Amino acid sequence: MSEQGSLGTDAPAAVAQTEAPVPEARPRSLLEKVRAAWDLEFGQLRPRLFFFSLLERPLPRNRCSGLRVRLMRAMGCTIGEGARVLGLPKLSGGAPELTRNLVVGKGGTIVWGCSFEIGDKLTIGDRVRLGPEVMILTTTHELGPREHRAGPLLRKPVNLGNDSIIGARAIVLPGVTIGEGAQILAGSVVNKDVPPGARWGGIPAKPTPA
């Protein structure tokens, strides 16, 4: 009986002695550290886009739309016939083919100061008008636990329907579809789909009477 008791008491220690030791993390080489530092500081650096932004900088605001359209096409963006670009939008994001994920339809207008974060497809329909300093985002994060709220990255396309109007300094969040002919008032934050022909405004944007 005492032998069994003794065995039972010592069993955890015996099991612990038989467990394999946890291997220590291999120290990173100097090359790996340099590569990690480079990705952290310059991973989003896009020399080609920077070059085109330098070419556009001397152009006067609200003029030279044709030149800006040609610059955006040279960057790889799809721009429809008759579109006007009165200020080159700031493009950013983690999509490998960033500029190819931007599609602008026919006869639309992009005013100065707009910013497009392109982690997924951004489709701007025909005859859409974007006011000054409109911001459009296509990536967000899952809501994680309290200890770490920014969970895994989510990529969600944005679609602006034909003939819609986005007011100055409005923000369109990832995954939103704005219906044809809809109007978004200046300064609004759009976090869900807007029906065709609707007029929305506010933070967050909601239906607004005309």
C-alpha atoms as a PDB file:
ATOM      1  CA  MET A   1       0.000   0.000   0.000  1.00  0.00           C
ATOM      2  CA  SER A   2       2.814   2.351   0.899  1.00  0.00           C
ATOM      3  CA  GLU A   3       4.555   1.459  -2.375  1.00  0.00           C
ATOM      4  CA  GLN A   4       1.427   2.437  -4.341  1.00  0.00           C
ATOM      5  CA  GLY A   5       1.122   5.691  -2.385  1.00  0.00           C
ATOM      6  CA  SER A   6       4.720   6.455  -2.992  1.00  0.00           C
ATOM      7  CA  LEU A   7       4.342   5.679  -6.688  1.00  0.00           C
ATOM      8  CA  GLY A   8       1.261   7.844  -6.936  1.00  0.00           C
ATOM      9  CA  THR A   9       3.012  10.769  -5.270  1.00  0.00           C
ATOM     10  CA  ASP A  10       6.095  10.531  -7.429  1.00  0.00           C
ATOM     11  CA  ALA A  11       4.228   9.888 -10.722  1.00  0.00           C
ATOM     12  CA  PRO A  12       3.950  13.557 -11.793  1.00  0.00           C
ATOM     13  CA  ALA A  13       7.653  14.043 -11.204  1.00  0.00           C
ATOM     14  CA  ALA A  14       8.425  10.912 -13.186  1.00  0.00           C
ATOM     15  CA  VAL A  15       6.212  12.061 -16.062  1.00  0.00           C
ATOM     16  CA  ALA A  16       7.802  15.495 -15.979  1.00  0.00           C
ATOM     17  CA  GLN A  17      11.246  13.921 -16.243  1.00  0.00           C
ATOM     18  CA  THR A  18      10.192  11.962 -19.351  1.00  0.00           C
ATOM     19  CA  GLU A  19       8.730  15.011 -21.177  1.00  0.00           C
ATOM     20  CA  ALA A  20      10.855  16.309 -24.012  1.00  0.00           C
ATOM     21  CA  PRO A  21      12.413  19.711 -23.329  1.00  0.00           C
ATOM     22  CA  VAL A  22      10.875  22.623 -25.206  1.00  0.00           C
ATOM     23  CA  PRO A  23      13.320  23.719 -27.915  1.00  0.00           C
ATOM     24  CA  GLU A  24      14.514  27.271 -27.580  1.00  0.00           C
ATOM     25  CA  ALA A  25      13.710  29.719 -30.365  1.00  0.00           C
ATOM     26  CA  ARG A  26      16.544  29.914 -32.854  1.00  0.00           C
ATOM     27  CA  PRO A  27      18.188  33.346 -32.741  1.00  0.00           C
ATOM     28  CA  ARG A  28      17.665  35.254 -35.968  1.00  0.00           C
ATOM     29  CA  SER A  29      20.640  35.890 -38.177  1.00  0.00           C
ATOM     30  CA  LEU A  30      21.777  39.403 -39.049  1.00  0.00           C
ATOM     31  CA  LEU A  31      20.327  39.031 -42.556  1.00  0.00           C
ATOM     32  CA  GLU A  32      16.915  38.042 -41.154  1.00  0.00           C
ATOM     33  CA  LYS A  33      16.951  41.020 -38.782  1.00  0.00           C
ATOM     34  CA  VAL A  34      17.830  43.403 -41.613  1.00  0.00           C
ATOM     35  CA  ARG A  35      15.082  41.953 -43.827  1.00  0.00           C
ATOM     36  CA  ALA A  36      12.494  42.266 -41.020  1.00  0.00           C
ATOM     37  CA  ALA A  37      13.531  45.873 -40.350  1.00  0.00           C
ATOM     38  CA  TRP A  38      13.316  46.682 -44.066  1.00  0.00           C
ATOM     39  CA  ASP A  39       9.814  45.177 -44.373  1.00  0.00           C
ATOM     40  CA  LEU A  40       8.680  47.110 -41.304  1.00  0.00           C
ATOM     41  CA  GLU A  41       9.977  50.479 -42.494  1.00  0.00           C
ATOM     42  CA  PHE A  42       9.754  50.211 -46.287  1.00  0.00           C
ATOM     43  CA  GLY A  43       7.369  47.326 -46.998  1.00  0.00           C
ATOM     44  CA  GLN A  44       4.707  49.696 -48.357  1.00  0.00           C
ATOM     45  CA  LEU A  45       7.178  51.788 -50.341  1.00  0.00           C
ATOM     46  CA  ARG A  46       6.215  51.829 -54.010  1.00  0.00           C
ATOM     47  CA  PRO A  47       8.849  53.693 -56.049  1.00  0.00           C
ATOM     48  CA  ARG A  48       6.746  53.636 -59.221  1.00  0.00           C
ATOM     49  CA  LEU A  49       3.798  55.367 -57.572  1.00  0.00           C
ATOM     50  CA  PHE A  50       6.137  57.846 -55.936  1.00  0.00           C
ATOM     51  CA  PHE A  51       7.653  58.666 -59.328  1.00  0.00           C
ATOM     52  CA  PHE A  52       4.233  59.346 -60.879  1.00  0.00           C
ATOM     53  CA  SER A  53       3.210  61.499 -57.906  1.00  0.00           C
ATOM     54  CA  LEU A  54       6.329  63.618 -58.484  1.00  0.00           C
ATOM     55  CA  LEU A  55       5.348  64.070 -62.131  1.00  0.00           C
ATOM     56  CA  GLU A  56       1.855  65.195 -61.113  1.00  0.00           C
ATOM     57  CA  ARG A  57       2.939  67.580 -58.372  1.00  0.00           C
ATOM     58  CA  PRO A  58       3.625  70.645 -60.593  1.00  0.00           C
ATOM     59  CA  LEU A  59       0.189  70.432 -62.243  1.00  0.00           C
ATOM     60  CA  PRO A  60      -2.287  73.067 -61.032  1.00  0.00           C
ATOM     61  CA  ARG A  61      -5.228  71.907 -58.931  1.00  0.00           C
ATOM     62  CA  ASN A  62      -8.511  71.450 -60.821  1.00  0.00           C
ATOM     63  CA  ARG A  63      -6.695  71.691 -64.154  1.00  0.00           C
ATOM     64  CA  CYS A  64      -4.876  69.296 -66.514  1.00  0.00           C
ATOM     65  CA  SER A  65      -7.395  66.484 -66.030  1.00  0.00           C
ATOM     66  CA  GLY A  66      -6.337  64.758 -69.240  1.00  0.00           C
ATOM     67  CA  LEU A  67      -2.708  64.545 -68.112  1.00  0.00           C
ATOM     68  CA  ARG A  68      -3.705  63.050 -64.770  1.00  0.00           C
ATOM     69  CA  VAL A  69      -5.910  60.467 -66.483  1.00  0.00           C
ATOM     70  CA  ARG A  70      -2.968  59.439 -68.655  1.00  0.00           C
ATOM     71  CA  LEU A  71      -0.718  59.225 -65.600  1.00  0.00           C
ATOM     72  CA  MET A  72      -3.177  56.950 -63.808  1.00  0.00           C
ATOM     73  CA  ARG A  73      -3.472  54.700 -66.853  1.00  0.00           C
ATOM     74  CA  ALA A  74       0.327  54.531 -67.060  1.00  0.00           C
ATOM     75  CA  MET A  75       0.334  53.479 -63.390  1.00  0.00           C
ATOM     76  CA  GLY A  76      -1.915  50.532 -64.293  1.00  0.00           C
ATOM     77  CA  CYS A  77      -5.328  51.863 -63.218  1.00  0.00           C
ATOM     78  CA  THR A  78      -8.404  51.336 -65.390  1.00  0.00           C
ATOM     79  CA  ILE A  79      -9.951  54.732 -66.219  1.00  0.00           C
ATOM     80  CA  GLY A  80     -13.019  54.971 -68.470  1.00  0.00           C
ATOM     81  CA  GLU A  81     -13.472  57.381 -71.349  1.00  0.00           C
ATOM     82  CA  GLY A  82     -14.530  60.900 -70.433  1.00  0.00           C
ATOM     83  CA  ALA A  83     -13.404  60.568 -66.797  1.00  0.00           C
ATOM     84  CA  ARG A  84     -11.924  63.658 -65.154  1.00  0.00           C
ATOM     85  CA  VAL A  85      -9.183  63.568 -62.520  1.00  0.00           C
ATOM     86  CA  LEU A  86      -8.709  67.034 -61.022  1.00  0.00           C
ATOM     87  CA  GLY A  87      -6.164  65.836 -58.464  1.00  0.00           C
ATOM     88  CA  LEU A  88      -4.205  62.596 -58.405  1.00  0.00           C
ATOM     89  CA  PRO A  89      -5.611  60.470 -55.552  1.00  0.00           C
ATOM     90  CA  LYS A  90      -3.228  59.128 -52.922  1.00  0.00           C
ATOM     91  CA  LEU A  91      -3.017  55.348 -53.385  1.00  0.00           C
ATOM     92  CA  SER A  92      -1.949  52.982 -50.618  1.00  0.00           C
ATOM     93  CA  GLY A  93      -2.596  49.425 -49.483  1.00  0.00           C
ATOM     94  CA  GLY A  94      -1.201  45.932 -49.358  1.00  0.00           C
ATOM     95  CA  ALA A  95      -2.603  44.500 -52.594  1.00  0.00           C
ATOM     96  CA  PRO A  96       0.202  43.101 -54.786  1.00  0.00           C
ATOM     97  CA  GLU A  97      -1.409  44.562 -57.934  1.00  0.00           C
ATOM     98  CA  LEU A  98      -2.516  47.731 -56.179  1.00  0.00           C
ATOM     99  CA  THR A  99      -3.207  49.927 -59.213  1.00  0.00           C
ATOM    100  CA  ARG A 100      -4.935  47.114 -61.112  1.00  0.00           C
ATOM    101  CA  ASN A 101      -7.464  46.853 -58.281  1.00  0.00           C
ATOM    102  CA  LEU A 102      -8.686  50.382 -59.016  1.00  0.00           C
ATOM    103  CA  VAL A 103     -11.354  50.654 -61.721  1.00  0.00           C
ATOM    104  CA  VAL A 104     -12.953  54.012 -62.589  1.00  0.00           C
ATOM    105  CA  GLY A 105     -15.879  54.067 -65.010  1.00  0.00           C
ATOM    106  CA  LYS A 106     -16.785  56.423 -67.828  1.00  0.00           C
ATOM    107  CA  GLY A 107     -17.539  60.098 -67.309  1.00  0.00           C
ATOM    108  CA  GLY A 108     -16.745  60.194 -63.594  1.00  0.00           C
ATOM    109  CA  THR A 109     -14.985  62.943 -61.651  1.00  0.00           C
ATOM    110  CA  ILE A 110     -12.323  62.626 -58.955  1.00  0.00           C
ATOM    111  CA  VAL A 111     -11.638  65.965 -57.244  1.00  0.00           C
ATOM    112  CA  TRP A 112      -8.377  66.838 -55.470  1.00  0.00           C
ATOM    113  CA  GLY A 113      -7.268  65.367 -52.144  1.00  0.00           C
ATOM    114  CA  CYS A 114      -8.909  61.924 -52.388  1.00  0.00           C
ATOM    115  CA  SER A 115      -7.263  58.931 -50.717  1.00  0.00           C
ATOM    116  CA  PHE A 116      -7.827  55.291 -51.715  1.00  0.00           C
ATOM    117  CA  GLU A 117      -6.560  52.453 -49.511  1.00  0.00           C
ATOM    118  CA  ILE A 118      -6.575  49.497 -51.899  1.00  0.00           C
ATOM    119  CA  GLY A 119      -6.148  46.140 -50.221  1.00  0.00           C
ATOM    120  CA  ASP A 120      -8.975  44.740 -52.345  1.00  0.00           C
ATOM    121  CA  LYS A 121     -10.941  45.727 -55.442  1.00  0.00           C
ATOM    122  CA  LEU A 122     -12.230  49.309 -55.591  1.00  0.00           C
ATOM    123  CA  THR A 123     -14.783  49.829 -58.350  1.00  0.00           C
ATOM    124  CA  ILE A 124     -16.035  53.348 -59.108  1.00  0.00           C
ATOM    125  CA  GLY A 125     -18.922  53.238 -61.582  1.00  0.00           C
ATOM    126  CA  ASP A 126     -19.839  55.454 -64.512  1.00  0.00           C
ATOM    127  CA  ARG A 127     -20.496  59.154 -63.915  1.00  0.00           C
ATOM    128  CA  VAL A 128     -19.623  58.934 -60.212  1.00  0.00           C
ATOM    129  CA  ARG A 129     -18.493  62.189 -58.609  1.00  0.00           C
ATOM    130  CA  LEU A 130     -16.093  62.178 -55.666  1.00  0.00           C
ATOM    131  CA  GLY A 131     -15.811  65.461 -53.767  1.00  0.00           C
ATOM    132  CA  PRO A 132     -12.619  66.848 -52.258  1.00  0.00           C
ATOM    133  CA  GLU A 133     -10.716  64.679 -49.752  1.00  0.00           C
ATOM    134  CA  VAL A 134     -12.965  61.631 -49.987  1.00  0.00           C
ATOM    135  CA  MET A 135     -11.398  58.588 -48.307  1.00  0.00           C
ATOM    136  CA  ILE A 136     -12.176  54.997 -49.319  1.00  0.00           C
ATOM    137  CA  LEU A 137     -10.872  51.979 -47.348  1.00  0.00           C
ATOM    138  CA  THR A 138     -10.922  48.302 -48.356  1.00  0.00           C
ATOM    139  CA  THR A 139      -9.192  46.613 -45.400  1.00  0.00           C
ATOM    140  CA  THR A 140     -10.039  46.280 -41.722  1.00  0.00           C
ATOM    141  CA  HIS A 141      -9.386  43.905 -38.803  1.00  0.00           C
ATOM    142  CA  GLU A 142     -11.502  41.316 -37.074  1.00  0.00           C
ATOM    143  CA  LEU A 143     -12.508  42.379 -33.574  1.00  0.00           C
ATOM    144  CA  GLY A 144     -10.258  40.368 -31.283  1.00  0.00           C
ATOM    145  CA  PRO A 145     -10.387  39.798 -27.495  1.00  0.00           C
ATOM    146  CA  ARG A 146      -9.969  42.643 -25.044  1.00  0.00           C
ATOM    147  CA  GLU A 147      -6.255  41.940 -24.751  1.00  0.00           C
ATOM    148  CA  HIS A 148      -5.735  42.403 -28.516  1.00  0.00           C
ATOM    149  CA  ARG A 149      -8.625  44.100 -30.303  1.00  0.00           C
ATOM    150  CA  ALA A 150      -7.006  44.266 -33.768  1.00  0.00           C
ATOM    151  CA  GLY A 151      -7.414  40.678 -34.960  1.00  0.00           C
ATOM    152  CA  PRO A 152      -6.582  39.171 -38.365  1.00  0.00           C
ATOM    153  CA  LEU A 153      -6.642  41.454 -41.409  1.00  0.00           C
ATOM    154  CA  LEU A 154      -9.801  41.394 -43.531  1.00  0.00           C
ATOM    155  CA  ARG A 155      -9.977  42.539 -47.143  1.00  0.00           C
ATOM    156  CA  LYS A 156     -13.377  43.694 -48.421  1.00  0.00           C
ATOM    157  CA  PRO A 157     -14.080  45.228 -51.855  1.00  0.00           C
ATOM    158  CA  VAL A 158     -15.904  48.542 -52.242  1.00  0.00           C
ATOM    159  CA  ASN A 159     -18.296  49.331 -55.094  1.00  0.00           C
ATOM    160  CA  LEU A 160     -19.668  52.783 -55.933  1.00  0.00           C
ATOM    161  CA  GLY A 161     -22.675  52.459 -58.229  1.00  0.00           C
ATOM    162  CA  ASN A 162     -23.232  54.462 -61.404  1.00  0.00           C
ATOM    163  CA  ASP A 163     -24.303  58.107 -61.016  1.00  0.00           C
ATOM    164  CA  SER A 164     -23.661  58.177 -57.266  1.00  0.00           C
ATOM    165  CA  ILE A 165     -22.227  61.262 -55.543  1.00  0.00           C
ATOM    166  CA  ILE A 166     -19.829  61.159 -52.592  1.00  0.00           C
ATOM    167  CA  GLY A 167     -19.600  64.486 -50.745  1.00  0.00           C
ATOM    168  CA  ALA A 168     -16.440  66.206 -49.567  1.00  0.00           C
ATOM    169  CA  ARG A 169     -14.464  64.452 -46.796  1.00  0.00           C
ATOM    170  CA  ALA A 170     -16.846  61.507 -46.674  1.00  0.00           C
ATOM    171  CA  ILE A 171     -15.343  58.157 -45.614  1.00  0.00           C
ATOM    172  CA  VAL A 172     -16.449  54.861 -47.167  1.00  0.00           C
ATOM    173  CA  LEU A 173     -15.486  51.831 -45.079  1.00  0.00           C
ATOM    174  CA  PRO A 174     -14.520  48.311 -46.283  1.00  0.00           C
ATOM    175  CA  GLY A 175     -17.148  46.074 -47.853  1.00  0.00           C
ATOM    176  CA  VAL A 176     -19.627  48.860 -48.623  1.00  0.00           C
ATOM    177  CA  THR A 177     -21.688  48.998 -51.814  1.00  0.00           C
ATOM    178  CA  ILE A 178     -23.287  52.341 -52.672  1.00  0.00           C
ATOM    179  CA  GLY A 179     -26.259  51.927 -54.986  1.00  0.00           C
ATOM    180  CA  GLU A 180     -26.780  53.663 -58.299  1.00  0.00           C
ATOM    181  CA  GLY A 181     -27.786  57.301 -58.041  1.00  0.00           C
ATOM    182  CA  ALA A 182     -27.229  57.435 -54.257  1.00  0.00           C
ATOM    183  CA  GLN A 183     -25.954  60.587 -52.579  1.00  0.00           C
ATOM    184  CA  ILE A 184     -23.595  60.638 -49.591  1.00  0.00           C
ATOM    185  CA  LEU A 185     -23.487  63.965 -47.774  1.00  0.00           C
ATOM    186  CA  ALA A 186     -20.225  65.727 -46.944  1.00  0.00           C
ATOM    187  CA  GLY A 187     -18.375  64.492 -43.855  1.00  0.00           C
ATOM    188  CA  SER A 188     -20.352  61.245 -43.561  1.00  0.00           C
ATOM    189  CA  VAL A 189     -18.938  57.869 -42.534  1.00  0.00           C
ATOM    190  CA  VAL A 190     -20.535  55.044 -44.524  1.00  0.00           C
ATOM    191  CA  ASN A 191     -20.237  51.673 -42.773  1.00  0.00           C
ATOM    192  CA  LYS A 192     -22.976  49.680 -44.545  1.00  0.00           C
ATOM    193  CA  ASP A 193     -24.605  49.326 -47.957  1.00  0.00           C
ATOM    194  CA  VAL A 194     -26.620  52.262 -49.297  1.00  0.00           C
ATOM    195  CA  PRO A 195     -29.704  51.518 -51.439  1.00  0.00           C
ATOM    196  CA  PRO A 196     -29.959  52.922 -54.981  1.00  0.00           C
ATOM    197  CA  GLY A 197     -31.231  56.494 -55.176  1.00  0.00           C
ATOM    198  CA  ALA A 198     -30.991  57.034 -51.414  1.00  0.00           C
ATOM    199  CA  ARG A 199     -29.648  60.131 -49.648  1.00  0.00           C
ATOM    200  CA  TRP A 200     -27.528  59.314 -46.603  1.00  0.00           C
ATOM    201  CA  GLY A 201     -25.541  61.439 -44.179  1.00  0.00           C
ATOM    202  CA  GLY A 202     -24.070  61.539 -40.676  1.00  0.00           C
ATOM    203  CA  ILE A 203     -21.712  59.454 -38.531  1.00  0.00           C
ATOM    204  CA  PRO A 204     -22.504  56.664 -39.088  1.00  0.00           C
ATOM    205  CA  ALA A 205     -24.408  57.493 -42.284  1.00  0.00           C
ATOM    206  CA  LYS A 206     -28.179  56.987 -42.185  1.00  0.00           C
ATOM    207  CA  PRO A 207     -31.103  57.876 -44.476  1.00  0.00           C
ATOM    208  CA  THR A 208     -31.541  61.663 -44.578  1.00  0.00           C
ATOM    209  CA  PRO A 209     -34.613  63.479 -45.930  1.00  0.00           C
ATOM    210  CA  ALA A 210     -34.012  65.702 -48.921  1.00  0.00           C
END
